[in-house]
Structures are given as C-alpha cells and as structure tokens.
Amino acid sequence: MELGGDTKAVLLAAGLIFILALLLGVWKYRQMAASPEGQAHPYVDVAHRAALLYSFATLLVAVFVELSGWSEAVNLIAAFAVIAFFVGALAGYISHGLTRDTENQFREGEGPPGLHPFMRMLIVVELAGFGVLLAGFISEQIL
C-alpha cells in the first residue's frame, strides 16, 4: 500500500513525539533514582506521560488523514494544527519540569500569562482539526 504524503508526514510526527517520550522517560527515571522520595518532578512525569499519549493520538490522526476524502493540503493543515498544540503543551510541561517553578500551573492564581487563552485555543483547534479529519473520513468511507 502506498501512503499519501500527508499520512507519511503525520506518521513521522508520531515517531518523533514517541522518541521524545522515550527521552523524557530517561529524564524521569534519572530524577526518580536521585530523589529520596523516588519521584520525579510532577511536570517531568506529566511531560513523559503526555508525550506517550500524544504519540499514539498522533497515530490515530494519521489513520484519519489516510482515510480522509479531503485533499492532502486540507488534511495536513487539520492534522498539524492538532499536532502543533500537542507539541505546544509538551513544551510547556518540559519548561515547568526544567525550571521546577510550579507543581500545578493552574493552582498558581490565574496561572502564567497566556495560559487560559492558550487552553481555549487548544480546545478549539484540536476539536476543529480532528473534526475536519473525521468529516473527511465520513465523507470518503461512509457516505
């Protein structure tokens, strides 16, 4: 089976996010091994777990890209809008893990500047991006 270029790009992104997850697992292990409590910083743990989940979520996005009836351009825009927010969230978690500035960014009053607008955009873009791919799948495979 020959995969479309859009699917190949999304699969590459999934692989890169999975490699990041594995590297974050090393960081998490090193912190656990060095900690008297045997625990990594909460955001190192969150970054590791989220990267694992996002890598598999990106695989799911790749399946819908491949089976979508939309053009490669539409599929790429929709998929990478979603993936960009996956990566943006991971960058935030990694940043908090590196700086150890908080154990819960939402508990710190209103949170860092831009947190809530970012979260609202994440919600809209992830739902809309995947919704486009789901509609493309329904259009091509079901109707």
Protein backbone atom coordinates (compact mmCIF):
# COMPACT_ATOMS: atom_id res chain seq x y z
CA MET A 1 0.00 0.00 0.00
CA GLU A 2 1.30 3.42 -0.92
CA LEU A 3 0.69 6.01 1.78
CA GLY A 4 -0.11 9.61 0.92
CA GLY A 5 2.45 12.30 1.61
CA ASP A 6 0.17 13.78 4.25
CA THR A 7 -0.02 10.45 6.08
CA LYS A 8 3.74 10.00 5.90
CA ALA A 9 4.27 13.46 7.42
CA VAL A 10 1.88 12.73 10.30
CA LEU A 11 3.47 9.31 10.91
CA LEU A 12 6.87 10.99 11.06
CA ALA A 13 5.49 13.43 13.63
CA ALA A 14 4.13 10.50 15.67
CA GLY A 15 7.54 8.83 15.58
CA LEU A 16 9.32 12.00 16.66
CA ILE A 17 6.88 12.55 19.53
CA PHE A 18 7.39 8.91 20.59
CA ILE A 19 11.19 9.38 20.58
CA LEU A 20 10.66 12.49 22.71
CA ALA A 21 8.54 10.41 25.09
CA LEU A 22 11.32 7.84 25.42
CA LEU A 23 13.88 10.55 26.13
CA LEU A 24 11.57 12.12 28.68
CA GLY A 25 11.31 8.68 30.28
CA VAL A 26 15.09 8.69 30.75
CA TRP A 27 14.88 12.14 32.37
CA LYS A 28 12.05 10.94 34.60
CA TYR A 29 13.99 7.82 35.62
CA ARG A 30 17.09 9.85 36.47
CA GLN A 31 15.07 12.18 38.69
CA MET A 32 13.34 9.23 40.36
CA ALA A 33 16.67 7.49 41.00
CA ALA A 34 18.17 10.66 42.50
CA SER A 35 15.17 11.59 44.66
CA PRO A 36 14.92 10.43 48.29
CA GLU A 37 11.17 10.01 47.68
CA GLY A 38 11.76 8.10 44.44
CA GLN A 39 9.72 10.57 42.45
CA ALA A 40 10.41 12.87 39.53
CA HIS A 41 9.20 16.47 39.46
CA PRO A 42 5.44 16.42 38.70
CA TYR A 43 5.88 18.19 35.35
CA VAL A 44 8.63 15.79 34.26
CA ASP A 45 6.17 12.99 34.97
CA VAL A 46 3.37 14.82 33.16
CA ALA A 47 5.60 15.55 30.14
CA HIS A 48 6.62 11.89 29.87
CA ARG A 49 3.07 10.56 30.14
CA ALA A 50 1.61 13.21 27.84
CA ALA A 51 4.25 12.58 25.17
CA LEU A 52 3.43 8.86 25.23
CA LEU A 53 -0.29 9.61 24.87
CA TYR A 54 0.23 12.29 22.22
CA SER A 55 2.41 9.95 20.15
CA PHE A 56 -0.40 7.42 19.98
CA ALA A 57 -3.01 10.12 19.46
CA THR A 58 -0.92 11.30 16.51
CA LEU A 59 -1.04 7.76 15.10
CA LEU A 60 -4.83 7.95 15.31
CA VAL A 61 -4.72 11.28 13.47
CA ALA A 62 -2.58 9.59 10.77
CA VAL A 63 -5.22 6.91 10.24
CA PHE A 64 -7.92 9.53 9.72
CA VAL A 65 -5.64 11.51 7.40
CA GLU A 66 -5.04 8.41 5.26
CA LEU A 67 -8.76 7.57 5.09
CA SER A 68 -9.99 11.13 4.60
CA GLY A 69 -11.54 12.23 1.35
CA TRP A 70 -10.14 15.75 1.61
CA SER A 71 -7.07 16.99 -0.25
CA GLU A 72 -3.57 16.50 1.14
CA ALA A 73 -3.41 20.23 1.87
CA VAL A 74 -6.62 20.20 3.95
CA ASN A 75 -5.51 17.05 5.77
CA LEU A 76 -2.06 18.49 6.53
CA ILE A 77 -3.46 21.75 7.85
CA ALA A 78 -6.02 19.99 10.04
CA ALA A 79 -3.57 17.38 11.32
CA PHE A 80 -0.69 19.73 12.03
CA ALA A 81 -2.97 22.24 13.74
CA VAL A 82 -3.77 19.47 16.22
CA ILE A 83 -0.17 18.26 16.42
CA ALA A 84 1.13 21.81 16.97
CA PHE A 85 -0.96 22.07 20.12
CA PHE A 86 0.20 18.63 21.28
CA VAL A 87 3.77 19.84 20.93
CA GLY A 88 2.95 23.22 22.50
CA ALA A 89 1.51 21.53 25.56
CA LEU A 90 4.57 19.28 25.81
CA ALA A 91 6.86 22.31 25.57
CA GLY A 92 5.02 23.88 28.50
CA TYR A 93 5.31 20.74 30.61
CA ILE A 94 9.00 20.38 29.79
CA SER A 95 9.59 24.05 30.65
CA HIS A 96 7.96 23.60 34.07
CA GLY A 97 9.97 20.43 34.62
CA LEU A 98 13.22 22.20 33.78
CA THR A 99 12.58 25.29 35.89
CA ARG A 100 10.74 23.47 38.70
CA ASP A 101 8.72 26.67 39.05
CA THR A 102 5.43 25.03 39.94
CA GLU A 103 3.82 21.71 40.70
CA ASN A 104 0.47 22.84 39.29
CA GLN A 105 0.34 25.78 36.90
CA PHE A 106 -3.43 26.11 37.38
CA ARG A 107 -3.14 26.41 41.15
CA GLU A 108 -0.92 29.48 40.93
CA GLY A 109 -3.71 32.06 40.89
CA GLU A 110 -4.54 32.78 37.28
CA GLY A 111 -1.51 30.84 36.10
CA PRO A 112 1.23 32.18 33.85
CA PRO A 113 0.26 34.93 31.41
CA GLY A 114 -1.44 33.47 28.37
CA LEU A 115 -2.25 30.09 29.94
CA HIS A 116 -6.02 30.38 29.70
CA PRO A 117 -6.08 31.84 26.17
CA PHE A 118 -3.70 29.03 25.12
CA MET A 119 -6.01 26.44 26.68
CA ARG A 120 -9.07 27.90 24.94
CA MET A 121 -7.23 27.91 21.60
CA LEU A 122 -6.04 24.33 22.23
CA ILE A 123 -9.61 23.20 22.82
CA VAL A 124 -10.96 24.90 19.69
CA VAL A 125 -8.10 23.93 17.36
CA GLU A 126 -7.82 20.31 18.49
CA LEU A 127 -11.59 19.75 18.21
CA ALA A 128 -11.87 21.60 14.89
CA GLY A 129 -8.76 19.99 13.38
CA PHE A 130 -9.80 16.49 14.27
CA GLY A 131 -13.41 17.30 13.33
CA VAL A 132 -12.24 18.16 9.80
CA LEU A 133 -10.42 14.82 9.56
CA LEU A 134 -13.40 12.92 10.97
CA ALA A 135 -15.69 14.63 8.45
CA GLY A 136 -13.26 13.69 5.65
CA PHE A 137 -13.32 10.09 6.83
CA ILE A 138 -17.13 10.04 6.97
CA SER A 139 -17.38 11.66 3.54
CA GLU A 140 -14.95 9.22 1.91
CA GLN A 141 -15.55 5.97 3.76
CA ILE A 142 -19.16 6.02 4.96
CA LEU A 143 -21.30 8.20 2.70
